[in-house]
Structures are given as C-alpha cells and as structure tokens.
C-alpha cells in the first residue's frame, strides 16, 4: 500500500488512537505498525538508516526517525543516550549509529518523528505509522506516515541495516564476563566476582548488574548500589529496578518511585 490513502472510505479515527501496543492495526486491509522493533545482541550494533525518498506534508520543517533503546544505549560522541532523532538530511547518504545492549532483553525501536512549523518535534500522535517491507537484500524498508493529515506512507521511506560491530574491547570484556559466569556456575563466587569486576571495568553492564545482585544478596547494599548504578548508566533496566529496591531499604520511597518510573519509561526516546 503506497501513496495517499482514500481517507474518506474508512474510519477517520486517527491511527495513534488505534494502537493498543506494539502490534499493528488494520487499515483497509493493510497492517500499519506503530513502530519497528528488533532485539540487540551482546556485541555493539552498527545501525544504518538510509533515506530512499522523502515528501513531507506542507507546513512541516522536517521528517525523521526516532531511535529508542530498551535495555541499552546509543553511543554517540562519548555519551550514552537512551535515544536520538535522525532527520532526513542526515539519512540522505546513510546515517550510522552505534547501539549497545546492557542486558539480555535489550532491543531498539524506530518510529516516525516530525518537526512542525513552530520547530517543535512531535511523534506518537495523529496519523503516524509505518508499513514494513523488505529490500531485495532483506533489509527492513519502512514506509512512514507522519501524524499530520491523512495517512500517507510515501512521506518518508527509510532502509534499515543492523549488523553486529564487535570491537577488540567488547570481545575481551565479553570473554571475561562469560568466564566469570562459568566460575559462578561451578560455585567459585570469589573468582566470578574478580572476573566480573574486570569486565565491568571495561564497560560490561551485565557484569555490573550481576555484581550488584551478589552484593545485594549479601546485604552489602552500598556495594550493590554502586554496581547497579554503573549498569543503569548503560541503560540496564534490571539495575534500575534493583536501585529502587535499595532505595526502599534505605527508607527513600520517593527515590524508589523515581527509579521504577525511569525503568518503566526507558523504552521511550
């Protein structure tokens, strides 16, 4: 389904009001997705978004793709971000972003974003959505409609390519973590902690999370908080939930609520 839709022939309820979750909704026999989502592996992922075409509605200053990470982060110029917006001018020649997982359930999502005439960035409203197709090479091809006016899936077409991009450092810290896990499985907790500490020092969020779990079970809450903060800084939502537990034990319900809210909303940009 491409081109402007025959809007007068179907229910005029805005698409954004029809989504009840990540599942697509039916629009005149076509599946329209609120977002595109894919899991992240243990290694850093090089995510490339390449613009095929753009035809923004009148009055918009720009169109783009909003990238959000659940259980991980976007690595950008030495910073760790929960998400970024990538605009069509950046995607014209292919925009490459590095995305890193912080836990076993990490994933990323993509959704249309747009900038109105006042310069305000918007998403998740009106008739936004996408049709998910694939190129001959098997890469996802997203036909996106902004939330402005009737659905039109020719407004922005973006190809997405995601490939593992392991570095020597990520391989090394991964090996340390795996060896520590093996030691823990054999009952050698001291050696596991030593290996996980090394892995966490190289930025392995899973190792920091596991160290926090061990310290918490031993009643060493300050140490648990230290390691869970390290993991949470990489976007590990399990660590955020752990920090809420530490705050509860410390008698700080406000901080506990804040951590739980932060964990619950970590999938959003």
C-alpha atoms as a PDB file:
ATOM      1  CA  UNK A   1       0.000   0.000   0.000  1.00  0.00           C
ATOM      2  CA  UNK A   2       1.630   3.244  -1.141  1.00  0.00           C
ATOM      3  CA  UNK A   3       0.522   6.770  -1.889  1.00  0.00           C
ATOM      4  CA  UNK A   4      -2.164   8.839  -0.230  1.00  0.00           C
ATOM      5  CA  UNK A   5      -4.857   6.633   1.228  1.00  0.00           C
ATOM      6  CA  UNK A   6      -8.539   7.000   0.277  1.00  0.00           C
ATOM      7  CA  UNK A   7      -9.192   8.530   3.682  1.00  0.00           C
ATOM      8  CA  UNK A   8     -12.906   9.044   3.077  1.00  0.00           C
ATOM      9  CA  UNK A   9     -13.519   5.319   2.653  1.00  0.00           C
ATOM     10  CA  UNK A  10     -12.656   4.180   6.182  1.00  0.00           C
ATOM     11  CA  UNK A  11     -12.940   5.089   9.839  1.00  0.00           C
ATOM     12  CA  UNK A  12     -11.433   8.534  10.404  1.00  0.00           C
ATOM     13  CA  UNK A  13     -10.183   7.705  13.921  1.00  0.00           C
ATOM     14  CA  UNK A  14      -6.517   8.814  13.977  1.00  0.00           C
ATOM     15  CA  UNK A  15      -4.086   5.926  13.765  1.00  0.00           C
ATOM     16  CA  UNK A  16      -2.374   6.903  17.023  1.00  0.00           C
ATOM     17  CA  UNK A  17      -5.651   6.326  18.869  1.00  0.00           C
ATOM     18  CA  UNK A  18      -5.990   2.800  17.484  1.00  0.00           C
ATOM     19  CA  UNK A  19      -2.714   1.359  18.742  1.00  0.00           C
ATOM     20  CA  UNK A  20      -3.014  -0.583  21.995  1.00  0.00           C
ATOM     21  CA  UNK A  21       0.631  -1.740  21.985  1.00  0.00           C
ATOM     22  CA  UNK A  22       3.393  -2.553  19.512  1.00  0.00           C
ATOM     23  CA  UNK A  23       1.092  -4.731  17.411  1.00  0.00           C
ATOM     24  CA  UNK A  24      -0.016  -3.361  14.009  1.00  0.00           C
ATOM     25  CA  UNK A  25      -3.553  -2.191  13.287  1.00  0.00           C
ATOM     26  CA  UNK A  26      -5.537  -2.928  10.150  1.00  0.00           C
ATOM     27  CA  UNK A  27      -6.074  -0.043   7.738  1.00  0.00           C
ATOM     28  CA  UNK A  28      -8.211  -1.026   4.784  1.00  0.00           C
ATOM     29  CA  UNK A  29      -6.632  -4.491   4.741  1.00  0.00           C
ATOM     30  CA  UNK A  30      -3.068  -3.282   5.304  1.00  0.00           C
ATOM     31  CA  UNK A  31      -1.036  -3.766   8.508  1.00  0.00           C
ATOM     32  CA  UNK A  32       0.167  -0.410   9.852  1.00  0.00           C
ATOM     33  CA  UNK A  33       2.808  -0.594  12.579  1.00  0.00           C
ATOM     34  CA  UNK A  34       3.274   1.986  15.357  1.00  0.00           C
ATOM     35  CA  UNK A  35       6.989   1.175  15.411  1.00  0.00           C
ATOM     36  CA  UNK A  36       9.694  -1.141  14.129  1.00  0.00           C
ATOM     37  CA  UNK A  37      11.487  -3.157  16.799  1.00  0.00           C
ATOM     38  CA  UNK A  38      14.370  -5.629  16.808  1.00  0.00           C
ATOM     39  CA  UNK A  39      16.488  -7.291  19.518  1.00  0.00           C
ATOM     40  CA  UNK A  40      20.097  -6.369  20.233  1.00  0.00           C
ATOM     41  CA  UNK A  41      22.888  -8.894  20.584  1.00  0.00           C
ATOM     42  CA  UNK A  42      25.695  -8.880  23.116  1.00  0.00           C
ATOM     43  CA  UNK A  43      28.066  -7.021  20.775  1.00  0.00           C
ATOM     44  CA  UNK A  44      27.643  -3.368  19.772  1.00  0.00           C
ATOM     45  CA  UNK A  45      25.334  -2.999  16.770  1.00  0.00           C
ATOM     46  CA  UNK A  46      26.003  -0.683  13.849  1.00  0.00           C
ATOM     47  CA  UNK A  47      22.591   0.603  12.789  1.00  0.00           C
ATOM     48  CA  UNK A  48      22.453   2.356   9.424  1.00  0.00           C
ATOM     49  CA  UNK A  49      19.384   4.284   8.249  1.00  0.00           C
ATOM     50  CA  UNK A  50      19.360   5.240   4.565  1.00  0.00           C
ATOM     51  CA  UNK A  51      16.771   7.548   3.042  1.00  0.00           C
ATOM     52  CA  UNK A  52      15.124   6.293  -0.160  1.00  0.00           C
ATOM     53  CA  UNK A  53      12.649   9.167  -0.574  1.00  0.00           C
ATOM     54  CA  UNK A  54      11.002  11.997   1.353  1.00  0.00           C
ATOM     55  CA  UNK A  55       7.870  14.042   0.640  1.00  0.00           C
ATOM     56  CA  UNK A  56       6.936  15.853   3.870  1.00  0.00           C
ATOM     57  CA  UNK A  57       3.455  17.379   4.182  1.00  0.00           C
ATOM     58  CA  UNK A  58       3.162  21.121   3.688  1.00  0.00           C
ATOM     59  CA  UNK A  59       3.969  23.122   6.794  1.00  0.00           C
ATOM     60  CA  UNK A  60       6.459  20.710   8.338  1.00  0.00           C
ATOM     61  CA  UNK A  61      10.066  21.758   8.839  1.00  0.00           C
ATOM     62  CA  UNK A  62      11.353  18.197   8.761  1.00  0.00           C
ATOM     63  CA  UNK A  63      10.804  14.469   8.985  1.00  0.00           C
ATOM     64  CA  UNK A  64      12.931  11.866  10.701  1.00  0.00           C
ATOM     65  CA  UNK A  65      13.186   8.588  12.542  1.00  0.00           C
ATOM     66  CA  UNK A  66      13.177   8.415  16.329  1.00  0.00           C
ATOM     67  CA  UNK A  67      15.529   5.722  17.638  1.00  0.00           C
ATOM     68  CA  UNK A  68      14.894   4.473  21.185  1.00  0.00           C
ATOM     69  CA  UNK A  69      16.793   1.770  23.064  1.00  0.00           C
ATOM     70  CA  UNK A  70      15.291  -0.522  25.702  1.00  0.00           C
ATOM     71  CA  UNK A  71      17.848  -2.122  27.994  1.00  0.00           C
ATOM     72  CA  UNK A  72      20.828  -0.404  26.439  1.00  0.00           C
ATOM     73  CA  UNK A  73      22.027   2.884  24.985  1.00  0.00           C
ATOM     74  CA  UNK A  74      23.070   4.809  21.912  1.00  0.00           C
ATOM     75  CA  UNK A  75      26.812   5.517  21.931  1.00  0.00           C
ATOM     76  CA  UNK A  76      27.330   8.994  20.484  1.00  0.00           C
ATOM     77  CA  UNK A  77      30.495  11.075  20.792  1.00  0.00           C
ATOM     78  CA  UNK A  78      31.426   9.570  24.130  1.00  0.00           C
ATOM     79  CA  UNK A  79      27.914   9.889  25.552  1.00  0.00           C
ATOM     80  CA  UNK A  80      25.376   7.193  26.394  1.00  0.00           C
ATOM     81  CA  UNK A  81      21.876   8.209  25.316  1.00  0.00           C
ATOM     82  CA  UNK A  82      18.524   6.472  25.603  1.00  0.00           C
ATOM     83  CA  UNK A  83      17.594   7.582  22.109  1.00  0.00           C
ATOM     84  CA  UNK A  84      18.185  10.034  19.280  1.00  0.00           C
ATOM     85  CA  UNK A  85      16.202  11.571  16.424  1.00  0.00           C
ATOM     86  CA  UNK A  86      17.773  11.169  12.980  1.00  0.00           C
ATOM     87  CA  UNK A  87      16.488  13.581  10.337  1.00  0.00           C
ATOM     88  CA  UNK A  88      16.166  13.012   6.600  1.00  0.00           C
ATOM     89  CA  UNK A  89      19.095  15.262   5.691  1.00  0.00           C
ATOM     90  CA  UNK A  90      21.381  13.087   7.848  1.00  0.00           C
ATOM     91  CA  UNK A  91      19.962   9.891   6.328  1.00  0.00           C
ATOM     92  CA  UNK A  92      20.427  11.013   2.715  1.00  0.00           C
ATOM     93  CA  UNK A  93      23.821   9.344   2.496  1.00  0.00           C
ATOM     94  CA  UNK A  94      23.165   6.773   5.213  1.00  0.00           C
ATOM     95  CA  UNK A  95      23.307   7.675   8.907  1.00  0.00           C
ATOM     96  CA  UNK A  96      25.226   5.182  11.059  1.00  0.00           C
ATOM     97  CA  UNK A  97      24.579   4.934  14.797  1.00  0.00           C
ATOM     98  CA  UNK A  98      26.171   2.567  17.314  1.00  0.00           C
ATOM     99  CA  UNK A  99      23.727   0.895  19.704  1.00  0.00           C
ATOM    100  CA  UNK A 100      24.839  -1.167  22.706  1.00  0.00           C
ATOM    101  CA  UNK A 101      22.903  -3.682  24.801  1.00  0.00           C
ATOM    102  CA  UNK A 102      23.086  -3.600  28.593  1.00  0.00           C
ATOM    103  CA  UNK A 103      21.126  -6.775  29.270  1.00  0.00           C
ATOM    104  CA  UNK A 104      19.824  -9.957  27.644  1.00  0.00           C
ATOM    105  CA  UNK A 105      16.444  -8.438  26.703  1.00  0.00           C
ATOM    106  CA  UNK A 106      17.794  -5.314  25.021  1.00  0.00           C
ATOM    107  CA  UNK A 107      16.126  -4.057  21.866  1.00  0.00           C
ATOM    108  CA  UNK A 108      15.754  -0.926  19.766  1.00  0.00           C
ATOM    109  CA  UNK A 109      12.683   0.699  18.249  1.00  0.00           C
ATOM    110  CA  UNK A 110      12.203   3.090  15.342  1.00  0.00           C
ATOM    111  CA  UNK A 111       9.224   5.380  14.840  1.00  0.00           C
ATOM    112  CA  UNK A 112       8.487   8.426  12.652  1.00  0.00           C
ATOM    113  CA  UNK A 113       9.112  11.889  14.109  1.00  0.00           C
ATOM    114  CA  UNK A 114       8.468  15.292  12.596  1.00  0.00           C
ATOM    115  CA  UNK A 115       9.044  18.980  13.276  1.00  0.00           C
ATOM    116  CA  UNK A 116       6.129  21.381  12.950  1.00  0.00           C
ATOM    117  CA  UNK A 117       6.229  24.961  11.716  1.00  0.00           C
ATOM    118  CA  UNK A 118       6.992  26.194  15.239  1.00  0.00           C
ATOM    119  CA  UNK A 119      10.071  23.957  15.458  1.00  0.00           C
ATOM    120  CA  UNK A 120       8.511  21.509  17.925  1.00  0.00           C
ATOM    121  CA  UNK A 121       9.390  17.836  17.495  1.00  0.00           C
ATOM    122  CA  UNK A 122       6.371  15.521  17.589  1.00  0.00           C
ATOM    123  CA  UNK A 123       5.679  11.788  17.452  1.00  0.00           C
ATOM    124  CA  UNK A 124       3.113   9.234  18.627  1.00  0.00           C
ATOM    125  CA  UNK A 125       0.203  11.490  17.591  1.00  0.00           C
ATOM    126  CA  UNK A 126      -2.285  11.805  14.760  1.00  0.00           C
ATOM    127  CA  UNK A 127      -1.903   9.530  11.756  1.00  0.00           C
ATOM    128  CA  UNK A 128       1.667   8.411  12.327  1.00  0.00           C
ATOM    129  CA  UNK A 129       2.670   4.863  11.468  1.00  0.00           C
ATOM    130  CA  UNK A 130       4.633   2.756   9.039  1.00  0.00           C
ATOM    131  CA  UNK A 131       4.339  -0.072   6.571  1.00  0.00           C
ATOM    132  CA  UNK A 132       7.188  -2.552   6.984  1.00  0.00           C
ATOM    133  CA  UNK A 133       8.569  -4.021   3.760  1.00  0.00           C
ATOM    134  CA  UNK A 134      11.966  -5.505   2.868  1.00  0.00           C
ATOM    135  CA  UNK A 135      14.572  -4.792   0.218  1.00  0.00           C
ATOM    136  CA  UNK A 136      15.987  -7.441  -2.113  1.00  0.00           C
ATOM    137  CA  UNK A 137      18.903  -7.726   0.332  1.00  0.00           C
ATOM    138  CA  UNK A 138      16.474  -8.499   3.156  1.00  0.00           C
ATOM    139  CA  UNK A 139      16.822  -5.189   4.998  1.00  0.00           C
ATOM    140  CA  UNK A 140      13.678  -3.660   6.532  1.00  0.00           C
ATOM    141  CA  UNK A 141      12.203  -0.875   4.408  1.00  0.00           C
ATOM    142  CA  UNK A 142       9.983   1.485   6.412  1.00  0.00           C
ATOM    143  CA  UNK A 143       7.281   3.450   4.565  1.00  0.00           C
ATOM    144  CA  UNK A 144       6.423   6.151   7.083  1.00  0.00           C
ATOM    145  CA  UNK A 145       3.467   8.465   7.585  1.00  0.00           C
ATOM    146  CA  UNK A 146       3.789  11.453   9.892  1.00  0.00           C
ATOM    147  CA  UNK A 147       0.915  12.326  12.181  1.00  0.00           C
ATOM    148  CA  UNK A 148      -0.142  15.320  10.091  1.00  0.00           C
ATOM    149  CA  UNK A 149      -3.208  14.949   7.885  1.00  0.00           C
ATOM    150  CA  UNK A 150      -4.482  11.713   6.317  1.00  0.00           C
ATOM    151  CA  UNK A 151      -2.143   8.689   6.347  1.00  0.00           C
ATOM    152  CA  UNK A 152       0.378   8.869   3.514  1.00  0.00           C
ATOM    153  CA  UNK A 153       3.119   6.244   3.568  1.00  0.00           C
ATOM    154  CA  UNK A 154       5.130   7.902   0.803  1.00  0.00           C
ATOM    155  CA  UNK A 155       6.141  10.782   3.087  1.00  0.00           C
ATOM    156  CA  UNK A 156       9.371   9.066   4.109  1.00  0.00           C
ATOM    157  CA  UNK A 157      10.873   5.745   3.038  1.00  0.00           C
ATOM    158  CA  UNK A 158      13.903   4.541   5.004  1.00  0.00           C
ATOM    159  CA  UNK A 159      16.004   1.392   4.706  1.00  0.00           C
ATOM    160  CA  UNK A 160      17.407  -0.035   7.941  1.00  0.00           C
ATOM    161  CA  UNK A 161      20.505  -2.225   8.204  1.00  0.00           C
ATOM    162  CA  UNK A 162      21.690  -3.600  11.553  1.00  0.00           C
ATOM    163  CA  UNK A 163      24.915  -5.588  11.835  1.00  0.00           C
ATOM    164  CA  UNK A 164      26.990  -6.675  14.809  1.00  0.00           C
ATOM    165  CA  UNK A 165      30.081  -4.496  15.158  1.00  0.00           C
ATOM    166  CA  UNK A 166      32.262  -6.167  17.787  1.00  0.00           C
ATOM    167  CA  UNK A 167      35.430  -4.401  18.882  1.00  0.00           C
ATOM    168  CA  UNK A 168      38.506  -5.909  20.484  1.00  0.00           C
ATOM    169  CA  UNK A 169      37.413  -4.357  23.784  1.00  0.00           C
ATOM    170  CA  UNK A 170      33.875  -5.753  23.540  1.00  0.00           C
ATOM    171  CA  UNK A 171      35.247  -9.217  22.741  1.00  0.00           C
ATOM    172  CA  UNK A 172      37.629  -9.037  25.707  1.00  0.00           C
ATOM    173  CA  UNK A 173      35.034  -7.873  28.221  1.00  0.00           C
ATOM    174  CA  UNK A 174      32.586 -10.435  26.855  1.00  0.00           C
ATOM    175  CA  UNK A 175      35.130 -13.191  27.370  1.00  0.00           C
ATOM    176  CA  UNK A 176      35.785 -12.014  30.928  1.00  0.00           C
ATOM    177  CA  UNK A 177      32.078 -11.992  31.660  1.00  0.00           C
ATOM    178  CA  UNK A 178      31.497 -15.445  30.160  1.00  0.00           C
ATOM    179  CA  UNK A 179      34.413 -16.885  32.136  1.00  0.00           C
ATOM    180  CA  UNK A 180      33.068 -15.283  35.308  1.00  0.00           C
ATOM    181  CA  UNK A 181      29.662 -16.817  34.623  1.00  0.00           C
ATOM    182  CA  UNK A 182      31.290 -20.223  34.206  1.00  0.00           C
ATOM    183  CA  UNK A 183      33.133 -19.798  37.514  1.00  0.00           C
ATOM    184  CA  UNK A 184      29.914 -18.787  39.247  1.00  0.00           C
ATOM    185  CA  UNK A 185      28.210 -21.863  37.824  1.00  0.00           C
ATOM    186  CA  UNK A 186      30.948 -24.003  39.396  1.00  0.00           C
ATOM    187  CA  UNK A 187      30.412 -22.377  42.768  1.00  0.00           C
ATOM    188  CA  UNK A 188      33.582 -20.251  42.722  1.00  0.00           C
ATOM    189  CA  UNK A 189      31.914 -16.966  43.634  1.00  0.00           C
ATOM    190  CA  UNK A 190      35.164 -15.199  44.549  1.00  0.00           C
ATOM    191  CA  UNK A 191      36.716 -15.866  41.150  1.00  0.00           C
ATOM    192  CA  UNK A 192      33.450 -14.961  39.413  1.00  0.00           C
ATOM    193  CA  UNK A 193      33.408 -11.606  41.203  1.00  0.00           C
ATOM    194  CA  UNK A 194      37.010 -10.918  40.246  1.00  0.00           C
ATOM    195  CA  UNK A 195      36.314 -11.624  36.581  1.00  0.00           C
ATOM    196  CA  UNK A 196      33.043  -9.689  36.565  1.00  0.00           C
ATOM    197  CA  UNK A 197      34.767  -6.734  38.202  1.00  0.00           C
ATOM    198  CA  UNK A 198      37.296  -6.692  35.374  1.00  0.00           C
ATOM    199  CA  UNK A 199      34.535  -6.987  32.779  1.00  0.00           C
ATOM    200  CA  UNK A 200      32.528  -4.188  34.409  1.00  0.00           C
ATOM    201  CA  UNK A 201      35.643  -2.035  34.390  1.00  0.00           C
ATOM    202  CA  UNK A 202      35.679  -2.402  30.605  1.00  0.00           C
ATOM    203  CA  UNK A 203      32.028  -1.348  30.376  1.00  0.00           C
ATOM    204  CA  UNK A 204      30.154  -4.680  30.527  1.00  0.00           C
ATOM    205  CA  UNK A 205      26.775  -3.705  32.008  1.00  0.00           C
ATOM    206  CA  UNK A 206      25.707  -7.303  32.592  1.00  0.00           C
ATOM    207  CA  UNK A 207      28.748  -7.915  34.766  1.00  0.00           C
ATOM    208  CA  UNK A 208      27.999  -4.806  36.819  1.00  0.00           C
ATOM    209  CA  UNK A 209      24.392  -5.933  37.226  1.00  0.00           C
ATOM    210  CA  UNK A 210      25.403  -9.415  38.396  1.00  0.00           C
ATOM    211  CA  UNK A 211      27.871  -7.936  40.882  1.00  0.00           C
ATOM    212  CA  UNK A 212      25.041  -5.817  42.257  1.00  0.00           C
ATOM    213  CA  UNK A 213      22.858  -8.909  42.652  1.00  0.00           C
ATOM    214  CA  UNK A 214      25.559 -10.753  44.580  1.00  0.00           C
ATOM    215  CA  UNK A 215      26.238  -7.786  46.886  1.00  0.00           C
ATOM    216  CA  UNK A 216      22.536  -7.230  47.482  1.00  0.00           C
ATOM    217  CA  UNK A 217      22.033 -10.858  48.498  1.00  0.00           C
ATOM    218  CA  UNK A 218      24.908 -10.477  50.942  1.00  0.00           C
ATOM    219  CA  UNK A 219      23.276  -7.416  52.465  1.00  0.00           C
ATOM    220  CA  UNK A 220      26.031  -5.138  51.148  1.00  0.00           C
ATOM    221  CA  UNK A 221      23.604  -2.509  49.895  1.00  0.00           C
ATOM    222  CA  UNK A 222      26.117   0.275  49.318  1.00  0.00           C
ATOM    223  CA  UNK A 223      28.168  -2.001  47.070  1.00  0.00           C
ATOM    224  CA  UNK A 224      25.016  -3.222  45.350  1.00  0.00           C
ATOM    225  CA  UNK A 225      24.002   0.374  44.701  1.00  0.00           C
ATOM    226  CA  UNK A 226      27.434   1.168  43.262  1.00  0.00           C
ATOM    227  CA  UNK A 227      27.343  -1.664  40.743  1.00  0.00           C
ATOM    228  CA  UNK A 228      23.697  -1.197  39.830  1.00  0.00           C
ATOM    229  CA  UNK A 229      24.300   2.491  39.199  1.00  0.00           C
ATOM    230  CA  UNK A 230      27.137   1.501  36.883  1.00  0.00           C
ATOM    231  CA  UNK A 231      24.819  -0.861  34.981  1.00  0.00           C
ATOM    232  CA  UNK A 232      21.932   1.626  34.988  1.00  0.00           C
ATOM    233  CA  UNK A 233      24.216   4.232  33.427  1.00  0.00           C
ATOM    234  CA  UNK A 234      24.417   1.894  30.425  1.00  0.00           C
ATOM    235  CA  UNK A 235      20.617   1.589  30.297  1.00  0.00           C
ATOM    236  CA  UNK A 236      20.136  -1.705  32.164  1.00  0.00           C
ATOM    237  CA  UNK A 237      16.512  -1.625  33.346  1.00  0.00           C
ATOM    238  CA  UNK A 238      17.106  -4.581  35.701  1.00  0.00           C
ATOM    239  CA  UNK A 239      19.660  -2.459  37.531  1.00  0.00           C
ATOM    240  CA  UNK A 240      17.196   0.429  37.744  1.00  0.00           C
ATOM    241  CA  UNK A 241      14.675  -1.895  39.384  1.00  0.00           C
ATOM    242  CA  UNK A 242      17.425  -3.035  41.766  1.00  0.00           C
ATOM    243  CA  UNK A 243      18.203   0.558  42.689  1.00  0.00           C
ATOM    244  CA  UNK A 244      14.532   1.004  43.550  1.00  0.00           C
ATOM    245  CA  UNK A 245      14.842  -1.925  45.973  1.00  0.00           C
ATOM    246  CA  UNK A 246      17.922  -0.366  47.564  1.00  0.00           C
ATOM    247  CA  UNK A 247      16.068   2.933  47.942  1.00  0.00           C
ATOM    248  CA  UNK A 248      13.171   1.128  49.613  1.00  0.00           C
ATOM    249  CA  UNK A 249      15.510  -0.469  52.132  1.00  0.00           C
ATOM    250  CA  UNK A 250      17.109   2.913  52.756  1.00  0.00           C
ATOM    251  CA  UNK A 251      13.682   4.363  53.542  1.00  0.00           C
ATOM    252  CA  UNK A 252      13.537   6.629  50.490  1.00  0.00           C
ATOM    253  CA  UNK A 253      10.216   5.840  48.740  1.00  0.00           C
ATOM    254  CA  UNK A 254      10.462   8.919  46.529  1.00  0.00           C
ATOM    255  CA  UNK A 255      13.766   7.739  45.050  1.00  0.00           C
ATOM    256  CA  UNK A 256      12.378   4.227  44.703  1.00  0.00           C
ATOM    257  CA  UNK A 257       9.404   5.523  42.718  1.00  0.00           C
ATOM    258  CA  UNK A 258      11.712   7.591  40.541  1.00  0.00           C
ATOM    259  CA  UNK A 259      13.876   4.591  39.663  1.00  0.00           C
ATOM    260  CA  UNK A 260      10.831   2.439  38.897  1.00  0.00           C
ATOM    261  CA  UNK A 261       9.365   5.163  36.700  1.00  0.00           C
ATOM    262  CA  UNK A 262      12.695   5.604  34.925  1.00  0.00           C
ATOM    263  CA  UNK A 263      12.942   1.865  34.294  1.00  0.00           C
ATOM    264  CA  UNK A 264       9.368   1.689  33.071  1.00  0.00           C
ATOM    265  CA  UNK A 265       9.876   4.525  30.633  1.00  0.00           C
ATOM    266  CA  UNK A 266      13.318   3.526  29.379  1.00  0.00           C
ATOM    267  CA  UNK A 267      11.915   2.288  26.052  1.00  0.00           C
ATOM    268  CA  UNK A 268      10.961   5.816  25.046  1.00  0.00           C
ATOM    269  CA  UNK A 269      13.142   8.439  23.441  1.00  0.00           C
END
